[in-house]
Amino acid sequence: MIRFFDLLFSLLGLILLLPFFLIISIAIVIGSRGGIFYIQERVGKNNRNFRLVKFRTMRSGADKQGGLTIGTHDSRITNTGFFLRKYKLDELPQLINVLKGEMSLVGPRPELRKYVNLYSDEQKKVLALSPGITDIASLEYINENEILGASADPEQTYIEQIMPAKLELNKKFIKDPRLGNYFQIIGLTIKKIFR
């Protein structure tokens, strides 16, 4: 049943948001050199890699300086990128991933392979579900960039504190992936963005 709503909402979303996609694309092109989309390999269901699609928010080649976004004023992020990230608009192209069946609207956020390789056997249970655009952990750690920006060693902070805490939160949805929880998380996400 969740897959049905994923298909319905992703298809409707892509159709209805097409004018906004065009406006955002123009803003990205005007704002900095490089492509419109940023495609990155992430780990999905059953530990399989897939190509996650986002609007590009950083200057071209900025990901070579590290995969984590540090603080709210990371110098690698473009002016347009700051706006897109603030309102989570950079995530909208992931509706394509949802439509293709690589992701769900709700589920554990897909991680980079280098971090998944650090998971314990217990933590790997999150890979039994399709990754999502939003989840409980993303809502709980909506200020993750600020936490990392205040850290002397952001990568270590992510690996030792944030990542395990987020995986622990994701267990709640894994244990009870009902339609009611699905809609509740979507509702909470919309509320957080507009707040």
N, C-alpha and C. Protein backbone atom coordinates (compact mmCIF):
# COMPACT_ATOMS: atom_id res chain seq x y z
N MET A 1 0.82 -1.20 0.00
CA MET A 1 0.00 0.00 0.00
C MET A 1 0.87 1.28 0.00
N ILE A 2 1.99 1.24 0.75
CA ILE A 2 2.90 2.40 0.80
C ILE A 2 3.46 2.67 -0.59
N ARG A 3 3.79 1.61 -1.33
CA ARG A 3 4.32 1.78 -2.69
C ARG A 3 3.30 2.49 -3.58
N PHE A 4 2.03 2.17 -3.40
CA PHE A 4 0.97 2.82 -4.19
C PHE A 4 0.99 4.33 -3.94
N PHE A 5 1.07 4.73 -2.65
CA PHE A 5 1.08 6.16 -2.32
C PHE A 5 2.39 6.83 -2.76
N ASP A 6 3.50 6.08 -2.69
CA ASP A 6 4.78 6.60 -3.21
C ASP A 6 4.64 6.95 -4.70
N LEU A 7 4.08 6.02 -5.46
CA LEU A 7 3.88 6.23 -6.90
C LEU A 7 2.95 7.40 -7.16
N LEU A 8 1.83 7.41 -6.46
CA LEU A 8 0.82 8.46 -6.65
C LEU A 8 1.39 9.84 -6.32
N PHE A 9 1.99 9.97 -5.13
CA PHE A 9 2.49 11.28 -4.69
C PHE A 9 3.70 11.74 -5.50
N SER A 10 4.58 10.81 -5.87
CA SER A 10 5.76 11.22 -6.65
C SER A 10 5.36 11.67 -8.06
N LEU A 11 4.42 10.95 -8.66
CA LEU A 11 3.96 11.31 -10.00
C LEU A 11 3.22 12.66 -9.97
N LEU A 12 2.30 12.80 -9.02
CA LEU A 12 1.57 14.07 -8.88
C LEU A 12 2.53 15.22 -8.56
N GLY A 13 3.46 14.94 -7.66
CA GLY A 13 4.44 15.96 -7.27
C GLY A 13 5.27 16.44 -8.44
N LEU A 14 5.77 15.51 -9.24
CA LEU A 14 6.59 15.87 -10.40
C LEU A 14 5.79 16.69 -11.41
N ILE A 15 4.53 16.34 -11.61
CA ILE A 15 3.68 17.08 -12.57
C ILE A 15 3.38 18.49 -12.04
N LEU A 16 2.93 18.56 -10.78
CA LEU A 16 2.54 19.85 -10.20
C LEU A 16 3.73 20.78 -9.96
N LEU A 17 4.87 20.20 -9.64
CA LEU A 17 6.05 21.01 -9.32
C LEU A 17 6.91 21.37 -10.53
N LEU A 18 6.52 20.91 -11.70
CA LEU A 18 7.32 21.16 -12.92
C LEU A 18 7.64 22.65 -13.12
N PRO A 19 6.67 23.57 -12.97
CA PRO A 19 7.02 25.00 -13.12
C PRO A 19 8.08 25.46 -12.12
N PHE A 20 8.00 24.95 -10.87
CA PHE A 20 8.99 25.31 -9.85
C PHE A 20 10.36 24.71 -10.20
N PHE A 21 10.35 23.49 -10.75
CA PHE A 21 11.60 22.86 -11.18
C PHE A 21 12.29 23.75 -12.22
N LEU A 22 11.52 24.32 -13.14
CA LEU A 22 12.08 25.18 -14.19
C LEU A 22 12.65 26.46 -13.59
N ILE A 23 11.92 27.06 -12.65
CA ILE A 23 12.39 28.30 -11.99
C ILE A 23 13.67 28.02 -11.20
N ILE A 24 13.67 26.93 -10.44
CA ILE A 24 14.85 26.55 -9.65
C ILE A 24 16.04 26.28 -10.57
N SER A 25 15.80 25.58 -11.66
CA SER A 25 16.87 25.26 -12.62
C SER A 25 17.51 26.53 -13.18
N ILE A 26 16.67 27.50 -13.54
CA ILE A 26 17.18 28.78 -14.07
C ILE A 26 18.01 29.50 -13.00
N ALA A 27 17.50 29.51 -11.76
CA ALA A 27 18.22 30.17 -10.65
C ALA A 27 19.58 29.52 -10.40
N ILE A 28 19.65 28.20 -10.49
CA ILE A 28 20.92 27.48 -10.29
C ILE A 28 21.92 27.84 -11.38
N VAL A 29 21.46 27.86 -12.63
CA VAL A 29 22.33 28.17 -13.78
C VAL A 29 22.83 29.61 -13.69
N ILE A 30 21.95 30.55 -13.33
CA ILE A 30 22.35 31.95 -13.21
C ILE A 30 23.30 32.15 -12.03
N GLY A 31 23.05 31.42 -10.95
CA GLY A 31 23.81 31.60 -9.71
C GLY A 31 25.26 31.12 -9.73
N SER A 32 25.55 30.06 -10.47
CA SER A 32 26.93 29.54 -10.50
C SER A 32 27.12 28.59 -11.68
N ARG A 33 28.38 28.42 -12.06
CA ARG A 33 28.68 27.51 -13.16
C ARG A 33 28.49 26.07 -12.73
N GLY A 34 28.05 25.23 -13.67
CA GLY A 34 27.86 23.82 -13.38
C GLY A 34 26.48 23.35 -13.76
N GLY A 35 26.23 22.08 -13.54
CA GLY A 35 24.96 21.49 -13.91
C GLY A 35 23.83 21.86 -12.95
N ILE A 36 22.62 21.49 -13.32
CA ILE A 36 21.44 21.77 -12.51
C ILE A 36 21.31 20.74 -11.38
N PHE A 37 21.60 19.49 -11.73
CA PHE A 37 21.43 18.41 -10.77
C PHE A 37 22.76 17.93 -10.21
N TYR A 38 22.69 17.42 -9.00
CA TYR A 38 23.85 16.78 -8.37
C TYR A 38 23.46 15.32 -8.15
N ILE A 39 24.22 14.43 -8.75
CA ILE A 39 23.93 13.00 -8.65
C ILE A 39 25.03 12.33 -7.84
N GLN A 40 24.61 11.60 -6.82
CA GLN A 40 25.58 10.97 -5.92
C GLN A 40 25.17 9.53 -5.65
N GLU A 41 26.15 8.67 -5.61
CA GLU A 41 25.86 7.26 -5.31
C GLU A 41 25.61 7.10 -3.82
N ARG A 42 24.47 6.50 -3.50
CA ARG A 42 24.09 6.22 -2.12
C ARG A 42 23.73 4.75 -2.00
N VAL A 43 23.56 4.29 -0.77
CA VAL A 43 23.21 2.90 -0.51
C VAL A 43 21.72 2.80 -0.22
N GLY A 44 21.05 1.90 -0.93
CA GLY A 44 19.61 1.75 -0.78
C GLY A 44 19.22 0.42 -0.17
N LYS A 45 18.00 0.02 -0.49
CA LYS A 45 17.44 -1.23 0.05
C LYS A 45 18.31 -2.43 -0.33
N ASN A 46 18.42 -3.34 0.61
CA ASN A 46 19.23 -4.56 0.44
C ASN A 46 20.69 -4.28 0.13
N ASN A 47 21.18 -3.13 0.66
CA ASN A 47 22.60 -2.79 0.54
C ASN A 47 23.05 -2.56 -0.90
N ARG A 48 22.12 -2.15 -1.76
CA ARG A 48 22.46 -1.91 -3.18
C ARG A 48 22.66 -0.42 -3.43
N ASN A 49 23.65 -0.11 -4.24
CA ASN A 49 23.91 1.29 -4.60
C ASN A 49 22.87 1.79 -5.60
N PHE A 50 22.56 3.07 -5.51
CA PHE A 50 21.73 3.72 -6.52
C PHE A 50 22.17 5.17 -6.63
N ARG A 51 21.72 5.84 -7.68
CA ARG A 51 22.13 7.22 -7.93
C ARG A 51 21.04 8.18 -7.46
N LEU A 52 21.33 8.88 -6.36
CA LEU A 52 20.40 9.82 -5.77
C LEU A 52 20.50 11.17 -6.51
N VAL A 53 19.33 11.77 -6.80
CA VAL A 53 19.29 13.02 -7.56
C VAL A 53 18.84 14.17 -6.65
N LYS A 54 19.61 15.26 -6.70
CA LYS A 54 19.25 16.49 -5.96
C LYS A 54 19.51 17.68 -6.86
N PHE A 55 18.92 18.83 -6.52
CA PHE A 55 19.33 20.06 -7.16
C PHE A 55 20.71 20.42 -6.64
N ARG A 56 21.57 20.90 -7.51
CA ARG A 56 22.93 21.26 -7.09
C ARG A 56 22.88 22.52 -6.24
N THR A 57 23.47 22.44 -5.05
CA THR A 57 23.49 23.59 -4.13
C THR A 57 24.91 24.06 -3.84
N MET A 58 25.90 23.31 -4.31
CA MET A 58 27.30 23.67 -4.07
C MET A 58 27.98 24.06 -5.37
N ARG A 59 29.11 24.72 -5.23
CA ARG A 59 29.91 25.05 -6.40
C ARG A 59 30.45 23.75 -7.00
N SER A 60 30.65 23.74 -8.29
CA SER A 60 31.12 22.52 -8.97
C SER A 60 32.42 22.04 -8.35
N GLY A 61 32.49 20.72 -8.10
CA GLY A 61 33.69 20.10 -7.54
C GLY A 61 33.84 20.26 -6.04
N ALA A 62 32.87 20.93 -5.39
CA ALA A 62 32.97 21.19 -3.94
C ALA A 62 32.93 19.92 -3.11
N ASP A 63 32.28 18.86 -3.63
CA ASP A 63 32.18 17.61 -2.87
C ASP A 63 33.53 16.94 -2.69
N LYS A 64 34.53 17.35 -3.48
CA LYS A 64 35.88 16.77 -3.33
C LYS A 64 36.53 17.25 -2.03
N GLN A 65 35.98 18.32 -1.45
CA GLN A 65 36.52 18.86 -0.19
C GLN A 65 35.88 18.20 1.03
N GLY A 66 35.02 17.19 0.79
CA GLY A 66 34.37 16.47 1.88
C GLY A 66 32.90 16.29 1.62
N GLY A 67 32.35 15.17 2.14
CA GLY A 67 30.95 14.84 1.87
C GLY A 67 29.97 15.48 2.83
N LEU A 68 30.45 15.91 4.00
CA LEU A 68 29.56 16.49 5.00
C LEU A 68 29.45 18.00 4.79
N THR A 69 28.25 18.53 4.98
CA THR A 69 28.05 19.98 4.95
C THR A 69 28.26 20.49 6.36
N ILE A 70 29.17 21.46 6.49
CA ILE A 70 29.56 21.93 7.81
C ILE A 70 28.96 23.30 8.09
N GLY A 71 28.10 23.38 9.10
CA GLY A 71 27.53 24.66 9.51
C GLY A 71 26.51 25.21 8.53
N THR A 72 25.89 26.31 8.93
CA THR A 72 24.85 26.92 8.11
C THR A 72 25.45 27.83 7.04
N HIS A 73 26.74 28.15 7.16
CA HIS A 73 27.38 29.05 6.18
C HIS A 73 28.60 28.39 5.56
N ASP A 74 28.45 27.16 5.13
CA ASP A 74 29.51 26.43 4.43
C ASP A 74 29.82 27.21 3.15
N SER A 75 31.08 27.62 3.00
CA SER A 75 31.48 28.48 1.87
C SER A 75 31.32 27.79 0.51
N ARG A 76 31.17 26.46 0.52
CA ARG A 76 31.01 25.74 -0.75
C ARG A 76 29.60 25.89 -1.32
N ILE A 77 28.65 26.30 -0.48
CA ILE A 77 27.25 26.40 -0.91
C ILE A 77 27.02 27.73 -1.62
N THR A 78 26.32 27.67 -2.75
CA THR A 78 26.00 28.88 -3.51
C THR A 78 24.87 29.65 -2.81
N ASN A 79 24.66 30.91 -3.24
CA ASN A 79 23.57 31.71 -2.67
C ASN A 79 22.22 31.05 -2.92
N THR A 80 22.02 30.56 -4.14
CA THR A 80 20.79 29.84 -4.46
C THR A 80 20.69 28.59 -3.61
N GLY A 81 21.83 27.92 -3.44
CA GLY A 81 21.89 26.69 -2.66
C GLY A 81 21.45 26.88 -1.21
N PHE A 82 21.82 28.02 -0.60
CA PHE A 82 21.40 28.31 0.78
C PHE A 82 19.88 28.32 0.88
N PHE A 83 19.25 28.99 -0.09
CA PHE A 83 17.79 29.09 -0.10
C PHE A 83 17.16 27.71 -0.30
N LEU A 84 17.67 26.96 -1.26
CA LEU A 84 17.13 25.63 -1.56
C LEU A 84 17.26 24.70 -0.36
N ARG A 85 18.40 24.75 0.32
CA ARG A 85 18.63 23.89 1.48
C ARG A 85 17.75 24.29 2.66
N LYS A 86 17.58 25.60 2.85
CA LYS A 86 16.78 26.09 3.98
C LYS A 86 15.36 25.52 3.94
N TYR A 87 14.78 25.47 2.74
CA TYR A 87 13.41 24.99 2.59
C TYR A 87 13.34 23.56 2.03
N LYS A 88 14.49 22.87 2.04
CA LYS A 88 14.59 21.47 1.59
C LYS A 88 14.16 21.29 0.12
N LEU A 89 14.22 22.36 -0.66
CA LEU A 89 13.82 22.28 -2.07
C LEU A 89 14.83 21.49 -2.90
N ASP A 90 16.07 21.41 -2.42
CA ASP A 90 17.10 20.65 -3.14
C ASP A 90 16.77 19.16 -3.19
N GLU A 91 15.91 18.70 -2.27
CA GLU A 91 15.55 17.29 -2.20
C GLU A 91 14.45 16.88 -3.20
N LEU A 92 13.75 17.85 -3.77
CA LEU A 92 12.59 17.56 -4.62
C LEU A 92 12.87 16.60 -5.79
N PRO A 93 14.04 16.69 -6.46
CA PRO A 93 14.29 15.74 -7.56
C PRO A 93 14.32 14.28 -7.13
N GLN A 94 14.40 14.03 -5.82
CA GLN A 94 14.37 12.65 -5.35
C GLN A 94 13.01 11.99 -5.58
N LEU A 95 12.03 12.80 -5.95
CA LEU A 95 10.74 12.23 -6.38
C LEU A 95 10.94 11.31 -7.58
N ILE A 96 11.97 11.59 -8.38
CA ILE A 96 12.33 10.72 -9.51
C ILE A 96 12.80 9.37 -8.98
N ASN A 97 13.63 9.40 -7.92
CA ASN A 97 14.09 8.15 -7.30
C ASN A 97 12.93 7.36 -6.72
N VAL A 98 11.93 8.09 -6.16
CA VAL A 98 10.75 7.43 -5.60
C VAL A 98 9.94 6.78 -6.72
N LEU A 99 9.74 7.51 -7.80
CA LEU A 99 8.99 6.99 -8.94
C LEU A 99 9.65 5.74 -9.52
N LYS A 100 10.97 5.72 -9.53
CA LYS A 100 11.72 4.56 -10.07
C LYS A 100 11.73 3.38 -9.11
N GLY A 101 11.29 3.58 -7.86
CA GLY A 101 11.28 2.50 -6.88
C GLY A 101 12.57 2.36 -6.10
N GLU A 102 13.49 3.31 -6.26
CA GLU A 102 14.77 3.26 -5.53
C GLU A 102 14.62 3.83 -4.12
N MET A 103 13.59 4.67 -3.96
CA MET A 103 13.35 5.31 -2.66
C MET A 103 11.86 5.31 -2.37
N SER A 104 11.54 5.67 -1.13
CA SER A 104 10.16 5.90 -0.71
C SER A 104 10.08 7.35 -0.23
N LEU A 105 8.89 7.87 -0.05
CA LEU A 105 8.79 9.21 0.53
C LEU A 105 9.27 9.19 1.97
N VAL A 106 8.98 8.09 2.69
CA VAL A 106 9.35 7.96 4.09
C VAL A 106 10.22 6.71 4.28
N GLY A 107 11.33 6.89 4.95
CA GLY A 107 12.24 5.78 5.22
C GLY A 107 13.58 6.33 5.67
N PRO A 108 14.48 5.49 6.16
CA PRO A 108 15.79 5.96 6.60
C PRO A 108 16.52 6.68 5.46
N ARG A 109 17.12 7.82 5.75
CA ARG A 109 17.84 8.56 4.71
C ARG A 109 18.97 7.70 4.15
N PRO A 110 19.14 7.68 2.81
CA PRO A 110 20.20 6.86 2.22
C PRO A 110 21.57 7.47 2.51
N GLU A 111 22.49 6.60 2.85
CA GLU A 111 23.82 7.03 3.29
C GLU A 111 24.87 6.74 2.22
N LEU A 112 26.01 7.40 2.36
CA LEU A 112 27.17 7.11 1.51
C LEU A 112 27.74 5.75 1.90
N ARG A 113 28.31 5.06 0.93
CA ARG A 113 28.87 3.73 1.16
C ARG A 113 29.92 3.74 2.27
N LYS A 114 30.75 4.77 2.32
CA LYS A 114 31.84 4.78 3.32
C LYS A 114 31.30 4.78 4.76
N TYR A 115 30.10 5.34 4.94
CA TYR A 115 29.49 5.32 6.28
C TYR A 115 28.74 4.02 6.54
N VAL A 116 28.09 3.49 5.51
CA VAL A 116 27.38 2.21 5.66
C VAL A 116 28.37 1.10 6.02
N ASN A 117 29.58 1.19 5.50
CA ASN A 117 30.61 0.19 5.82
C ASN A 117 30.96 0.16 7.31
N LEU A 118 30.59 1.21 8.03
CA LEU A 118 30.86 1.29 9.47
C LEU A 118 29.71 0.76 10.31
N TYR A 119 28.57 0.44 9.68
CA TYR A 119 27.40 -0.05 10.41
C TYR A 119 27.69 -1.38 11.10
N SER A 120 27.10 -1.55 12.27
CA SER A 120 27.13 -2.86 12.93
C SER A 120 26.05 -3.73 12.27
N ASP A 121 26.03 -5.01 12.59
CA ASP A 121 25.00 -5.90 12.02
C ASP A 121 23.60 -5.43 12.40
N GLU A 122 23.47 -4.92 13.63
CA GLU A 122 22.17 -4.41 14.10
C GLU A 122 21.76 -3.18 13.29
N GLN A 123 22.70 -2.29 13.05
CA GLN A 123 22.41 -1.06 12.30
C GLN A 123 22.07 -1.34 10.83
N LYS A 124 22.61 -2.43 10.30
CA LYS A 124 22.36 -2.78 8.90
C LYS A 124 20.90 -3.14 8.64
N LYS A 125 20.13 -3.32 9.71
CA LYS A 125 18.71 -3.66 9.55
C LYS A 125 17.94 -2.53 8.85
N VAL A 126 18.47 -1.30 8.91
CA VAL A 126 17.80 -0.18 8.21
C VAL A 126 17.80 -0.39 6.70
N LEU A 127 18.72 -1.22 6.22
CA LEU A 127 18.82 -1.48 4.79
C LEU A 127 17.76 -2.45 4.29
N ALA A 128 16.92 -2.95 5.20
CA ALA A 128 15.83 -3.85 4.80
C ALA A 128 14.68 -3.06 4.17
N LEU A 129 14.62 -1.75 4.47
CA LEU A 129 13.56 -0.90 3.93
C LEU A 129 14.11 0.01 2.83
N SER A 130 13.22 0.49 1.98
CA SER A 130 13.63 1.48 0.98
C SER A 130 14.01 2.76 1.71
N PRO A 131 15.10 3.41 1.29
CA PRO A 131 15.45 4.68 1.92
C PRO A 131 14.41 5.73 1.56
N GLY A 132 14.33 6.79 2.36
CA GLY A 132 13.30 7.79 2.14
C GLY A 132 13.82 9.21 1.96
N ILE A 133 12.92 10.07 1.48
CA ILE A 133 13.23 11.49 1.37
C ILE A 133 13.20 12.12 2.77
N THR A 134 12.31 11.62 3.61
CA THR A 134 12.22 12.12 4.98
C THR A 134 12.05 10.96 5.96
N ASP A 135 12.41 11.21 7.21
CA ASP A 135 12.26 10.20 8.25
C ASP A 135 12.29 10.89 9.62
N ILE A 136 12.07 10.12 10.67
CA ILE A 136 12.06 10.67 12.03
C ILE A 136 13.42 11.28 12.36
N ALA A 137 14.49 10.60 11.97
CA ALA A 137 15.85 11.07 12.29
C ALA A 137 16.15 12.41 11.64
N SER A 138 15.70 12.61 10.39
CA SER A 138 15.93 13.88 9.70
C SER A 138 15.22 15.01 10.41
N LEU A 139 14.03 14.74 10.92
CA LEU A 139 13.26 15.76 11.64
C LEU A 139 13.91 16.08 12.98
N GLU A 140 14.39 15.05 13.64
CA GLU A 140 15.04 15.21 14.96
C GLU A 140 16.37 15.96 14.82
N TYR A 141 17.06 15.70 13.72
CA TYR A 141 18.38 16.31 13.49
C TYR A 141 18.33 17.32 12.35
N ILE A 142 17.29 18.13 12.34
CA ILE A 142 17.13 19.15 11.29
C ILE A 142 18.25 20.20 11.37
N ASN A 143 18.87 20.31 12.57
CA ASN A 143 19.98 21.26 12.77
C ASN A 143 21.35 20.56 12.72
N GLU A 144 21.41 19.44 12.04
CA GLU A 144 22.66 18.64 11.97
C GLU A 144 23.85 19.48 11.49
N ASN A 145 23.65 20.33 10.48
CA ASN A 145 24.74 21.15 9.96
C ASN A 145 25.33 22.08 11.01
N GLU A 146 24.46 22.61 11.88
CA GLU A 146 24.93 23.49 12.96
C GLU A 146 25.77 22.71 13.97
N ILE A 147 25.33 21.51 14.30
CA ILE A 147 26.08 20.66 15.24
C ILE A 147 27.47 20.37 14.67
N LEU A 148 27.51 20.00 13.39
CA LEU A 148 28.79 19.68 12.74
C LEU A 148 29.67 20.92 12.62
N GLY A 149 29.04 22.08 12.37
CA GLY A 149 29.78 23.33 12.24
C GLY A 149 30.45 23.75 13.54
N ALA A 150 29.87 23.35 14.66
CA ALA A 150 30.43 23.70 15.97
C ALA A 150 31.47 22.69 16.46
N SER A 151 31.66 21.61 15.71
CA SER A 151 32.57 20.54 16.13
C SER A 151 34.00 20.78 15.64
N ALA A 152 34.96 20.40 16.47
CA ALA A 152 36.38 20.50 16.08
C ALA A 152 36.71 19.45 15.02
N ASP A 153 36.01 18.32 15.05
CA ASP A 153 36.21 17.26 14.07
C ASP A 153 34.82 16.78 13.60
N PRO A 154 34.25 17.48 12.59
CA PRO A 154 32.88 17.17 12.15
C PRO A 154 32.65 15.72 11.73
N GLU A 155 33.61 15.14 11.03
CA GLU A 155 33.43 13.76 10.57
C GLU A 155 33.36 12.79 11.75
N GLN A 156 34.22 12.99 12.72
CA GLN A 156 34.21 12.14 13.91
C GLN A 156 32.90 12.31 14.69
N THR A 157 32.44 13.56 14.79
CA THR A 157 31.17 13.84 15.47
C THR A 157 30.03 13.13 14.76
N TYR A 158 30.06 13.16 13.43
CA TYR A 158 29.00 12.51 12.65
C TYR A 158 29.03 10.99 12.89
N ILE A 159 30.21 10.40 12.76
CA ILE A 159 30.35 8.94 12.87
C ILE A 159 30.04 8.43 14.28
N GLU A 160 30.51 9.15 15.29
CA GLU A 160 30.41 8.66 16.67
C GLU A 160 29.13 9.09 17.39
N GLN A 161 28.54 10.20 16.98
CA GLN A 161 27.36 10.70 17.70
C GLN A 161 26.09 10.73 16.84
N ILE A 162 26.14 11.48 15.75
CA ILE A 162 24.93 11.71 14.96
C ILE A 162 24.46 10.45 14.24
N MET A 163 25.34 9.79 13.53
CA MET A 163 24.95 8.61 12.75
C MET A 163 24.33 7.52 13.63
N PRO A 164 24.95 7.13 14.75
CA PRO A 164 24.32 6.09 15.60
C PRO A 164 22.96 6.53 16.17
N ALA A 165 22.85 7.81 16.55
CA ALA A 165 21.58 8.31 17.09
C ALA A 165 20.48 8.28 16.04
N LYS A 166 20.81 8.65 14.81
CA LYS A 166 19.83 8.64 13.72
C LYS A 166 19.41 7.20 13.38
N LEU A 167 20.35 6.30 13.38
CA LEU A 167 20.03 4.89 13.11
C LEU A 167 19.12 4.32 14.19
N GLU A 168 19.35 4.74 15.42
CA GLU A 168 18.50 4.29 16.54
C GLU A 168 17.07 4.80 16.36
N LEU A 169 16.93 6.04 15.94
CA LEU A 169 15.60 6.62 15.69
C LEU A 169 14.89 5.91 14.55
N ASN A 170 15.65 5.51 13.55
CA ASN A 170 15.06 4.83 12.39
C ASN A 170 14.48 3.46 12.74
N LYS A 171 14.96 2.88 13.81
CA LYS A 171 14.44 1.57 14.23
C LYS A 171 12.95 1.63 14.53
N LYS A 172 12.47 2.81 14.99
CA LYS A 172 11.05 2.97 15.31
C LYS A 172 10.19 2.74 14.08
N PHE A 173 10.61 3.30 12.95
CA PHE A 173 9.82 3.13 11.72
C PHE A 173 9.99 1.72 11.17
N ILE A 174 11.18 1.16 11.33
CA ILE A 174 11.43 -0.20 10.85
C ILE A 174 10.53 -1.20 11.57
N LYS A 175 10.36 -0.97 12.89
CA LYS A 175 9.52 -1.87 13.69
C LYS A 175 8.04 -1.71 13.37
N ASP A 176 7.67 -0.52 12.91
CA ASP A 176 6.25 -0.24 12.69
C ASP A 176 6.03 0.62 11.44
N PRO A 177 6.31 0.04 10.25
CA PRO A 177 6.20 0.83 9.00
C PRO A 177 4.77 0.90 8.45
N ARG A 178 3.82 1.24 9.35
CA ARG A 178 2.42 1.30 8.94
C ARG A 178 2.13 2.57 8.15
N LEU A 179 1.03 2.54 7.44
CA LEU A 179 0.58 3.67 6.64
C LEU A 179 0.34 4.91 7.51
N GLY A 180 -0.17 4.68 8.74
CA GLY A 180 -0.41 5.79 9.66
C GLY A 180 0.88 6.53 9.99
N ASN A 181 1.96 5.78 10.25
CA ASN A 181 3.26 6.39 10.54
C ASN A 181 3.81 7.12 9.32
N TYR A 182 3.59 6.53 8.17
CA TYR A 182 4.02 7.11 6.88
C TYR A 182 3.43 8.52 6.73
N PHE A 183 2.11 8.63 6.90
CA PHE A 183 1.43 9.92 6.75
C PHE A 183 1.78 10.88 7.88
N GLN A 184 1.99 10.35 9.07
CA GLN A 184 2.37 11.20 10.20
C GLN A 184 3.72 11.87 9.95
N ILE A 185 4.70 11.10 9.45
CA ILE A 185 6.03 11.65 9.18
C ILE A 185 5.98 12.67 8.04
N ILE A 186 5.18 12.41 7.01
CA ILE A 186 5.02 13.37 5.92
C ILE A 186 4.43 14.68 6.47
N GLY A 187 3.40 14.56 7.32
CA GLY A 187 2.78 15.74 7.93
C GLY A 187 3.75 16.54 8.79
N LEU A 188 4.53 15.84 9.61
CA LEU A 188 5.51 16.50 10.47
C LEU A 188 6.60 17.20 9.65
N THR A 189 6.99 16.59 8.54
CA THR A 189 8.01 17.16 7.65
C THR A 189 7.50 18.48 7.06
N ILE A 190 6.29 18.47 6.55
CA ILE A 190 5.71 19.69 5.95
C ILE A 190 5.62 20.80 7.00
N LYS A 191 5.20 20.43 8.21
CA LYS A 191 5.08 21.40 9.30
C LYS A 191 6.45 22.00 9.66
N LYS A 192 7.47 21.17 9.75
CA LYS A 192 8.83 21.63 10.09
C LYS A 192 9.36 22.60 9.05
N ILE A 193 9.15 22.26 7.76
CA ILE A 193 9.66 23.10 6.67
C ILE A 193 9.02 24.49 6.73
N PHE A 194 7.70 24.52 6.90
CA PHE A 194 7.01 25.81 6.91
C PHE A 194 7.24 26.59 8.20
N ARG A 195 7.58 25.88 9.27
CA ARG A 195 7.89 26.56 10.53
C ARG A 195 9.25 27.25 10.43
